[in-house]
Amino acid sequence: MMKIFECILFAFLIICAISVSFSKNLLNSIIIFMSYSLIMSIIWILLESPDLAITEAAVGAGITSILFFVTLKKIRAIDNGDEDKDKEGGKK
């Protein structure tokens, strides 16, 4: 039963790695990367390496993803909708 679970996790890991390469949207790429890190941390737990699992979850899925989100916000790749309101209000 555990081998089937491990195979499913490895399949999801490969799917995440391939799909992040083909994703055109940067936000989707970050979410897929975060999923990859979470799956990898589960695999580290199954391999009885909890220290690597905690590090992968904290750094891979946590800090790195937050830095990517902040970077996308800084370069204005994520639109928060305020610009549309400013355009409508400023032109009237």
PDB file of N, CA and C in Angstrom:
ATOM      1  N   MET A   1       0.821  -1.203   0.000  1.00  0.00           N
ATOM      2  CA  MET A   1       0.000   0.000   0.000  1.00  0.00           C
ATOM      3  C   MET A   1       0.861   1.262   0.000  1.00  0.00           C
ATOM      4  N   MET A   2       1.942   1.237   0.784  1.00  0.00           N
ATOM      5  CA  MET A   2       2.810   2.403   0.871  1.00  0.00           C
ATOM      6  C   MET A   2       3.571   2.625  -0.436  1.00  0.00           C
ATOM      7  N   LYS A   3       3.919   1.563  -1.126  1.00  0.00           N
ATOM      8  CA  LYS A   3       4.623   1.706  -2.408  1.00  0.00           C
ATOM      9  C   LYS A   3       3.736   2.387  -3.447  1.00  0.00           C
ATOM     10  N   ILE A   4       2.440   2.098  -3.403  1.00  0.00           N
ATOM     11  CA  ILE A   4       1.511   2.743  -4.342  1.00  0.00           C
ATOM     12  C   ILE A   4       1.445   4.240  -4.060  1.00  0.00           C
ATOM     13  N   PHE A   5       1.392   4.591  -2.767  1.00  0.00           N
ATOM     14  CA  PHE A   5       1.369   6.005  -2.378  1.00  0.00           C
ATOM     15  C   PHE A   5       2.643   6.718  -2.825  1.00  0.00           C
ATOM     16  N   GLU A   6       3.792   6.059  -2.655  1.00  0.00           N
ATOM     17  CA  GLU A   6       5.063   6.643  -3.093  1.00  0.00           C
ATOM     18  C   GLU A   6       5.088   6.832  -4.608  1.00  0.00           C
ATOM     19  N   CYS A   7       4.586   5.871  -5.343  1.00  0.00           N
ATOM     20  CA  CYS A   7       4.553   5.983  -6.812  1.00  0.00           C
ATOM     21  C   CYS A   7       3.646   7.126  -7.253  1.00  0.00           C
ATOM     22  N   ILE A   8       2.526   7.290  -6.570  1.00  0.00           N
ATOM     23  CA  ILE A   8       1.619   8.399  -6.890  1.00  0.00           C
ATOM     24  C   ILE A   8       2.293   9.731  -6.613  1.00  0.00           C
ATOM     25  N   LEU A   9       2.994   9.830  -5.491  1.00  0.00           N
ATOM     26  CA  LEU A   9       3.711  11.065  -5.178  1.00  0.00           C
ATOM     27  C   LEU A   9       4.799  11.362  -6.203  1.00  0.00           C
ATOM     28  N   PHE A  10       5.550  10.344  -6.602  1.00  0.00           N
ATOM     29  CA  PHE A  10       6.582  10.552  -7.619  1.00  0.00           C
ATOM     30  C   PHE A  10       5.973  10.963  -8.960  1.00  0.00           C
ATOM     31  N   ALA A  11       4.806  10.401  -9.285  1.00  0.00           N
ATOM     32  CA  ALA A  11       4.132  10.790 -10.526  1.00  0.00           C
ATOM     33  C   ALA A  11       3.699  12.255 -10.462  1.00  0.00           C
ATOM     34  N   PHE A  12       3.127  12.671  -9.319  1.00  0.00           N
ATOM     35  CA  PHE A  12       2.760  14.083  -9.153  1.00  0.00           C
ATOM     36  C   PHE A  12       3.981  14.996  -9.207  1.00  0.00           C
ATOM     37  N   LEU A  13       5.096  14.528  -8.671  1.00  0.00           N
ATOM     38  CA  LEU A  13       6.330  15.303  -8.702  1.00  0.00           C
ATOM     39  C   LEU A  13       6.791  15.528 -10.133  1.00  0.00           C
ATOM     40  N   ILE A  14       6.736  14.494 -10.939  1.00  0.00           N
ATOM     41  CA  ILE A  14       7.132  14.611 -12.349  1.00  0.00           C
ATOM     42  C   ILE A  14       6.157  15.504 -13.106  1.00  0.00           C
ATOM     43  N   ILE A  15       4.864  15.362 -12.822  1.00  0.00           N
ATOM     44  CA  ILE A  15       3.861  16.204 -13.485  1.00  0.00           C
ATOM     45  C   ILE A  15       4.073  17.670 -13.141  1.00  0.00           C
ATOM     46  N   CYS A  16       4.371  17.954 -11.876  1.00  0.00           N
ATOM     47  CA  CYS A  16       4.634  19.350 -11.476  1.00  0.00           C
ATOM     48  C   CYS A  16       5.876  19.897 -12.168  1.00  0.00           C
ATOM     49  N   ALA A  17       6.919  19.091 -12.246  1.00  0.00           N
ATOM     50  CA  ALA A  17       8.155  19.549 -12.870  1.00  0.00           C
ATOM     51  C   ALA A  17       7.956  19.846 -14.356  1.00  0.00           C
ATOM     52  N   ILE A  18       7.181  19.028 -15.028  1.00  0.00           N
ATOM     53  CA  ILE A  18       6.941  19.243 -16.456  1.00  0.00           C
ATOM     54  C   ILE A  18       5.986  20.406 -16.678  1.00  0.00           C
ATOM     55  N   SER A  19       4.932  20.482 -15.860  1.00  0.00           N
ATOM     56  CA  SER A  19       3.931  21.526 -16.087  1.00  0.00           C
ATOM     57  C   SER A  19       4.453  22.923 -15.760  1.00  0.00           C
ATOM     58  N   VAL A  20       5.390  23.045 -14.825  1.00  0.00           N
ATOM     59  CA  VAL A  20       5.946  24.369 -14.544  1.00  0.00           C
ATOM     60  C   VAL A  20       6.787  24.850 -15.729  1.00  0.00           C
ATOM     61  N   SER A  21       7.327  23.917 -16.482  1.00  0.00           N
ATOM     62  CA  SER A  21       8.109  24.297 -17.664  1.00  0.00           C
ATOM     63  C   SER A  21       7.227  24.824 -18.791  1.00  0.00           C
ATOM     64  N   PHE A  22       6.016  24.292 -18.893  1.00  0.00           N
ATOM     65  CA  PHE A  22       5.132  24.677 -19.989  1.00  0.00           C
ATOM     66  C   PHE A  22       4.133  25.767 -19.622  1.00  0.00           C
ATOM     67  N   SER A  23       4.115  26.181 -18.385  1.00  0.00           N
ATOM     68  CA  SER A  23       3.156  27.193 -17.950  1.00  0.00           C
ATOM     69  C   SER A  23       3.560  28.569 -18.465  1.00  0.00           C
ATOM     70  N   LYS A  24       2.620  29.279 -19.060  1.00  0.00           N
ATOM     71  CA  LYS A  24       2.876  30.617 -19.593  1.00  0.00           C
ATOM     72  C   LYS A  24       2.622  31.706 -18.556  1.00  0.00           C
ATOM     73  N   ASN A  25       1.763  31.418 -17.580  1.00  0.00           N
ATOM     74  CA  ASN A  25       1.409  32.377 -16.554  1.00  0.00           C
ATOM     75  C   ASN A  25       2.379  32.258 -15.379  1.00  0.00           C
ATOM     76  N   LEU A  26       2.975  33.371 -14.970  1.00  0.00           N
ATOM     77  CA  LEU A  26       3.960  33.341 -13.890  1.00  0.00           C
ATOM     78  C   LEU A  26       3.339  32.960 -12.555  1.00  0.00           C
ATOM     79  N   LEU A  27       2.127  33.407 -12.309  1.00  0.00           N
ATOM     80  CA  LEU A  27       1.458  33.076 -11.050  1.00  0.00           C
ATOM     81  C   LEU A  27       1.179  31.575 -10.959  1.00  0.00           C
ATOM     82  N   ASN A  28       0.743  30.977 -12.058  1.00  0.00           N
ATOM     83  CA  ASN A  28       0.530  29.532 -12.076  1.00  0.00           C
ATOM     84  C   ASN A  28       1.838  28.779 -11.863  1.00  0.00           C
ATOM     85  N   SER A  29       2.919  29.295 -12.422  1.00  0.00           N
ATOM     86  CA  SER A  29       4.219  28.653 -12.242  1.00  0.00           C
ATOM     87  C   SER A  29       4.640  28.641 -10.784  1.00  0.00           C
ATOM     88  N   ILE A  30       4.378  29.735 -10.074  1.00  0.00           N
ATOM     89  CA  ILE A  30       4.738  29.796  -8.658  1.00  0.00           C
ATOM     90  C   ILE A  30       3.903  28.815  -7.848  1.00  0.00           C
ATOM     91  N   ILE A  31       2.624  28.720  -8.159  1.00  0.00           N
ATOM     92  CA  ILE A  31       1.749  27.799  -7.432  1.00  0.00           C
ATOM     93  C   ILE A  31       2.159  26.349  -7.699  1.00  0.00           C
ATOM     94  N   ILE A  32       2.530  26.045  -8.931  1.00  0.00           N
ATOM     95  CA  ILE A  32       2.995  24.694  -9.254  1.00  0.00           C
ATOM     96  C   ILE A  32       4.315  24.399  -8.547  1.00  0.00           C
ATOM     97  N   PHE A  33       5.197  25.399  -8.501  1.00  0.00           N
ATOM     98  CA  PHE A  33       6.466  25.237  -7.788  1.00  0.00           C
ATOM     99  C   PHE A  33       6.239  24.989  -6.298  1.00  0.00           C
ATOM    100  N   MET A  34       5.267  25.678  -5.729  1.00  0.00           N
ATOM    101  CA  MET A  34       4.932  25.483  -4.327  1.00  0.00           C
ATOM    102  C   MET A  34       4.396  24.060  -4.107  1.00  0.00           C
ATOM    103  N   SER A  35       3.582  23.580  -5.021  1.00  0.00           N
ATOM    104  CA  SER A  35       3.069  22.209  -4.927  1.00  0.00           C
ATOM    105  C   SER A  35       4.203  21.197  -5.029  1.00  0.00           C
ATOM    106  N   TYR A  36       5.152  21.466  -5.911  1.00  0.00           N
ATOM    107  CA  TYR A  36       6.324  20.605  -6.060  1.00  0.00           C
ATOM    108  C   TYR A  36       7.083  20.508  -4.734  1.00  0.00           C
ATOM    109  N   SER A  37       7.284  21.640  -4.082  1.00  0.00           N
ATOM    110  CA  SER A  37       8.020  21.648  -2.814  1.00  0.00           C
ATOM    111  C   SER A  37       7.263  20.902  -1.719  1.00  0.00           C
ATOM    112  N   LEU A  38       5.956  21.060  -1.683  1.00  0.00           N
ATOM    113  CA  LEU A  38       5.173  20.337  -0.671  1.00  0.00           C
ATOM    114  C   LEU A  38       5.201  18.825  -0.897  1.00  0.00           C
ATOM    115  N   ILE A  39       5.104  18.417  -2.148  1.00  0.00           N
ATOM    116  CA  ILE A  39       5.181  16.982  -2.458  1.00  0.00           C
ATOM    117  C   ILE A  39       6.563  16.447  -2.102  1.00  0.00           C
ATOM    118  N   MET A  40       7.580  17.234  -2.401  1.00  0.00           N
ATOM    119  CA  MET A  40       8.935  16.813  -2.079  1.00  0.00           C
ATOM    120  C   MET A  40       9.147  16.691  -0.575  1.00  0.00           C
ATOM    121  N   SER A  41       8.532  17.570   0.195  1.00  0.00           N
ATOM    122  CA  SER A  41       8.662  17.456   1.652  1.00  0.00           C
ATOM    123  C   SER A  41       7.967  16.203   2.179  1.00  0.00           C
ATOM    124  N   ILE A  42       6.844  15.820   1.576  1.00  0.00           N
ATOM    125  CA  ILE A  42       6.177  14.566   1.963  1.00  0.00           C
ATOM    126  C   ILE A  42       7.063  13.370   1.627  1.00  0.00           C
ATOM    127  N   ILE A  43       7.714  13.437   0.492  1.00  0.00           N
ATOM    128  CA  ILE A  43       8.616  12.344   0.109  1.00  0.00           C
ATOM    129  C   ILE A  43       9.790  12.254   1.082  1.00  0.00           C
ATOM    130  N   TRP A  44      10.310  13.401   1.526  1.00  0.00           N
ATOM    131  CA  TRP A  44      11.398  13.376   2.512  1.00  0.00           C
ATOM    132  C   TRP A  44      10.932  12.736   3.822  1.00  0.00           C
ATOM    133  N   ILE A  45       9.683  12.975   4.199  1.00  0.00           N
ATOM    134  CA  ILE A  45       9.163  12.341   5.413  1.00  0.00           C
ATOM    135  C   ILE A  45       9.079  10.829   5.231  1.00  0.00           C
ATOM    136  N   LEU A  46       8.623  10.393   4.060  1.00  0.00           N
ATOM    137  CA  LEU A  46       8.539   8.957   3.788  1.00  0.00           C
ATOM    138  C   LEU A  46       9.919   8.307   3.763  1.00  0.00           C
ATOM    139  N   LEU A  47      10.935   9.074   3.397  1.00  0.00           N
ATOM    140  CA  LEU A  47      12.306   8.561   3.395  1.00  0.00           C
ATOM    141  C   LEU A  47      12.974   8.681   4.769  1.00  0.00           C
ATOM    142  N   GLU A  48      12.156   9.014   5.777  1.00  0.00           N
ATOM    143  CA  GLU A  48      12.585   9.120   7.165  1.00  0.00           C
ATOM    144  C   GLU A  48      13.696  10.147   7.355  1.00  0.00           C
ATOM    145  N   SER A  49      13.489  11.307   6.755  1.00  0.00           N
ATOM    146  CA  SER A  49      14.414  12.419   6.907  1.00  0.00           C
ATOM    147  C   SER A  49      13.624  13.684   7.250  1.00  0.00           C
ATOM    148  N   PRO A  50      13.180  13.774   8.500  1.00  0.00           N
ATOM    149  CA  PRO A  50      12.306  14.889   8.862  1.00  0.00           C
ATOM    150  C   PRO A  50      12.989  16.258   8.823  1.00  0.00           C
ATOM    151  N   ASP A  51      14.304  16.296   9.058  1.00  0.00           N
ATOM    152  CA  ASP A  51      14.991  17.583   9.009  1.00  0.00           C
ATOM    153  C   ASP A  51      14.976  18.174   7.603  1.00  0.00           C
ATOM    154  N   LEU A  52      15.160  17.338   6.590  1.00  0.00           N
ATOM    155  CA  LEU A  52      15.076  17.823   5.207  1.00  0.00           C
ATOM    156  C   LEU A  52      13.640  18.171   4.828  1.00  0.00           C
ATOM    157  N   ALA A  53      12.680  17.435   5.369  1.00  0.00           N
ATOM    158  CA  ALA A  53      11.275  17.719   5.076  1.00  0.00           C
ATOM    159  C   ALA A  53      10.868  19.084   5.614  1.00  0.00           C
ATOM    160  N   ILE A  54      11.293  19.392   6.839  1.00  0.00           N
ATOM    161  CA  ILE A  54      10.964  20.696   7.417  1.00  0.00           C
ATOM    162  C   ILE A  54      11.644  21.809   6.634  1.00  0.00           C
ATOM    163  N   THR A  55      12.895  21.592   6.261  1.00  0.00           N
ATOM    164  CA  THR A  55      13.625  22.600   5.491  1.00  0.00           C
ATOM    165  C   THR A  55      12.986  22.817   4.125  1.00  0.00           C
ATOM    166  N   GLU A  56      12.593  21.743   3.465  1.00  0.00           N
ATOM    167  CA  GLU A  56      11.956  21.861   2.147  1.00  0.00           C
ATOM    168  C   GLU A  56      10.624  22.586   2.248  1.00  0.00           C
ATOM    169  N   ALA A  57       9.853  22.280   3.277  1.00  0.00           N
ATOM    170  CA  ALA A  57       8.561  22.942   3.435  1.00  0.00           C
ATOM    171  C   ALA A  57       8.736  24.417   3.771  1.00  0.00           C
ATOM    172  N   ALA A  58       9.685  24.726   4.636  1.00  0.00           N
ATOM    173  CA  ALA A  58       9.872  26.118   5.055  1.00  0.00           C
ATOM    174  C   ALA A  58      10.503  26.966   3.958  1.00  0.00           C
ATOM    175  N   VAL A  59      11.546  26.458   3.360  1.00  0.00           N
ATOM    176  CA  VAL A  59      12.265  27.245   2.358  1.00  0.00           C
ATOM    177  C   VAL A  59      11.621  27.125   0.981  1.00  0.00           C
ATOM    178  N   GLY A  60      11.369  25.904   0.546  1.00  0.00           N
ATOM    179  CA  GLY A  60      10.844  25.694  -0.794  1.00  0.00           C
ATOM    180  C   GLY A  60       9.435  26.197  -0.985  1.00  0.00           C
ATOM    181  N   ALA A  61       8.540  25.774  -0.113  1.00  0.00           N
ATOM    182  CA  ALA A  61       7.139  26.160  -0.266  1.00  0.00           C
ATOM    183  C   ALA A  61       6.823  27.473   0.421  1.00  0.00           C
ATOM    184  N   GLY A  62       7.586  27.821   1.439  1.00  0.00           N
ATOM    185  CA  GLY A  62       7.268  29.015   2.213  1.00  0.00           C
ATOM    186  C   GLY A  62       7.975  30.264   1.746  1.00  0.00           C
ATOM    187  N   ILE A  63       9.226  30.383   2.122  1.00  0.00           N
ATOM    188  CA  ILE A  63       9.970  31.629   1.908  1.00  0.00           C
ATOM    189  C   ILE A  63      10.174  31.928   0.424  1.00  0.00           C
ATOM    190  N   THR A  64      10.556  30.926  -0.346  1.00  0.00           N
ATOM    191  CA  THR A  64      10.805  31.159  -1.767  1.00  0.00           C
ATOM    192  C   THR A  64       9.536  31.585  -2.489  1.00  0.00           C
ATOM    193  N   SER A  65       8.416  30.948  -2.169  1.00  0.00           N
ATOM    194  CA  SER A  65       7.158  31.321  -2.811  1.00  0.00           C
ATOM    195  C   SER A  65       6.740  32.737  -2.442  1.00  0.00           C
ATOM    196  N   ILE A  66       6.923  33.111  -1.188  1.00  0.00           N
ATOM    197  CA  ILE A  66       6.592  34.477  -0.770  1.00  0.00           C
ATOM    198  C   ILE A  66       7.469  35.480  -1.520  1.00  0.00           C
ATOM    199  N   LEU A  67       8.755  35.175  -1.654  1.00  0.00           N
ATOM    200  CA  LEU A  67       9.650  36.072  -2.401  1.00  0.00           C
ATOM    201  C   LEU A  67       9.233  36.189  -3.868  1.00  0.00           C
ATOM    202  N   PHE A  68       8.800  35.076  -4.455  1.00  0.00           N
ATOM    203  CA  PHE A  68       8.318  35.121  -5.839  1.00  0.00           C
ATOM    204  C   PHE A  68       7.062  35.981  -5.958  1.00  0.00           C
ATOM    205  N   PHE A  69       6.121  35.818  -5.012  1.00  0.00           N
ATOM    206  CA  PHE A  69       4.898  36.631  -5.035  1.00  0.00           C
ATOM    207  C   PHE A  69       5.215  38.113  -4.888  1.00  0.00           C
ATOM    208  N   VAL A  70       6.121  38.445  -3.980  1.00  0.00           N
ATOM    209  CA  VAL A  70       6.497  39.850  -3.785  1.00  0.00           C
ATOM    210  C   VAL A  70       7.174  40.402  -5.036  1.00  0.00           C
ATOM    211  N   THR A  71       8.013  39.603  -5.663  1.00  0.00           N
ATOM    212  CA  THR A  71       8.678  40.036  -6.889  1.00  0.00           C
ATOM    213  C   THR A  71       7.670  40.288  -7.998  1.00  0.00           C
ATOM    214  N   LEU A  72       6.691  39.393  -8.158  1.00  0.00           N
ATOM    215  CA  LEU A  72       5.665  39.605  -9.182  1.00  0.00           C
ATOM    216  C   LEU A  72       4.854  40.861  -8.892  1.00  0.00           C
ATOM    217  N   LYS A  73       4.598  41.123  -7.625  1.00  0.00           N
ATOM    218  CA  LYS A  73       3.863  42.329  -7.253  1.00  0.00           C
ATOM    219  C   LYS A  73       4.692  43.575  -7.565  1.00  0.00           C
ATOM    220  N   LYS A  74       5.995  43.517  -7.294  1.00  0.00           N
ATOM    221  CA  LYS A  74       6.873  44.671  -7.535  1.00  0.00           C
ATOM    222  C   LYS A  74       6.998  44.988  -9.022  1.00  0.00           C
ATOM    223  N   ILE A  75       7.055  43.958  -9.851  1.00  0.00           N
ATOM    224  CA  ILE A  75       7.171  44.208 -11.289  1.00  0.00           C
ATOM    225  C   ILE A  75       5.805  44.357 -11.948  1.00  0.00           C
ATOM    226  N   ARG A  76       4.777  44.387 -11.114  1.00  0.00           N
ATOM    227  CA  ARG A  76       3.390  44.598 -11.539  1.00  0.00           C
ATOM    228  C   ARG A  76       2.893  43.515 -12.496  1.00  0.00           C
ATOM    229  N   ALA A  77       3.354  42.286 -12.272  1.00  0.00           N
ATOM    230  CA  ALA A  77       2.858  41.156 -13.058  1.00  0.00           C
ATOM    231  C   ALA A  77       1.538  40.654 -12.499  1.00  0.00           C
ATOM    232  N   ILE A  78       1.252  40.975 -11.229  1.00  0.00           N
ATOM    233  CA  ILE A  78      -0.033  40.633 -10.621  1.00  0.00           C
ATOM    234  C   ILE A  78      -0.837  41.921 -10.527  1.00  0.00           C
ATOM    235  N   ASP A  79      -1.985  41.944 -11.171  1.00  0.00           N
ATOM    236  CA  ASP A  79      -2.843  43.124 -11.152  1.00  0.00           C
ATOM    237  C   ASP A  79      -3.836  42.980 -10.015  1.00  0.00           C
ATOM    238  N   ASN A  80      -3.909  43.994  -9.157  1.00  0.00           N
ATOM    239  CA  ASN A  80      -4.816  43.907  -8.018  1.00  0.00           C
ATOM    240  C   ASN A  80      -6.142  44.609  -8.263  1.00  0.00           C
ATOM    241  N   GLY A  81      -6.360  45.176  -9.423  1.00  0.00           N
ATOM    242  CA  GLY A  81      -7.635  45.784  -9.748  1.00  0.00           C
ATOM    243  C   GLY A  81      -7.718  47.254  -9.401  1.00  0.00           C
ATOM    244  N   ASP A  82      -6.776  47.795  -8.645  1.00  0.00           N
ATOM    245  CA  ASP A  82      -6.816  49.208  -8.269  1.00  0.00           C
ATOM    246  C   ASP A  82      -6.545  50.122  -9.466  1.00  0.00           C
ATOM    247  N   GLU A  83      -5.784  49.640 -10.414  1.00  0.00           N
ATOM    248  CA  GLU A  83      -5.451  50.468 -11.575  1.00  0.00           C
ATOM    249  C   GLU A  83      -6.688  50.762 -12.413  1.00  0.00           C
ATOM    250  N   ASP A  84      -7.601  49.794 -12.523  1.00  0.00           N
ATOM    251  CA  ASP A  84      -8.820  50.008 -13.295  1.00  0.00           C
ATOM    252  C   ASP A  84      -9.688  51.070 -12.630  1.00  0.00           C
ATOM    253  N   LYS A  85      -9.765  51.037 -11.304  1.00  0.00           N
ATOM    254  CA  LYS A  85     -10.549  52.036 -10.586  1.00  0.00           C
ATOM    255  C   LYS A  85      -9.940  53.415 -10.742  1.00  0.00           C
ATOM    256  N   ASP A  86      -8.597  53.489 -10.706  1.00  0.00           N
ATOM    257  CA  ASP A  86      -7.920  54.783 -10.860  1.00  0.00           C
ATOM    258  C   ASP A  86      -8.145  55.351 -12.269  1.00  0.00           C
ATOM    259  N   LYS A  87      -8.132  54.493 -13.262  1.00  0.00           N
ATOM    260  CA  LYS A  87      -8.320  54.943 -14.641  1.00  0.00           C
ATOM    261  C   LYS A  87      -9.734  55.495 -14.849  1.00  0.00           C
ATOM    262  N   GLU A  88     -10.715  54.767 -14.267  1.00  0.00           N
ATOM    263  CA  GLU A  88     -12.101  55.213 -14.425  1.00  0.00           C
ATOM    264  C   GLU A  88     -12.351  56.512 -13.669  1.00  0.00           C
ATOM    265  N   GLY A  89     -11.807  56.616 -12.466  1.00  0.00           N
ATOM    266  CA  GLY A  89     -12.026  57.786 -11.643  1.00  0.00           C
ATOM    267  C   GLY A  89     -11.267  59.004 -12.162  1.00  0.00           C
ATOM    268  N   GLY A  90     -10.095  58.796 -12.724  1.00  0.00           N
ATOM    269  CA  GLY A  90      -9.269  59.914 -13.170  1.00  0.00           C
ATOM    270  C   GLY A  90      -9.734  60.523 -14.480  1.00  0.00           C
ATOM    271  N   LYS A  91     -10.411  59.765 -15.319  1.00  0.00           N
ATOM    272  CA  LYS A  91     -10.807  60.264 -16.628  1.00  0.00           C
ATOM    273  C   LYS A  91     -12.145  60.971 -16.614  1.00  0.00           C
ATOM    274  N   LYS A  92     -12.917  60.812 -15.554  1.00  0.00           N
ATOM    275  CA  LYS A  92     -14.258  61.412 -15.517  1.00  0.00           C
ATOM    276  C   LYS A  92     -14.208  62.865 -15.216  1.00  0.00           C
TER     277      LYS A  92
END
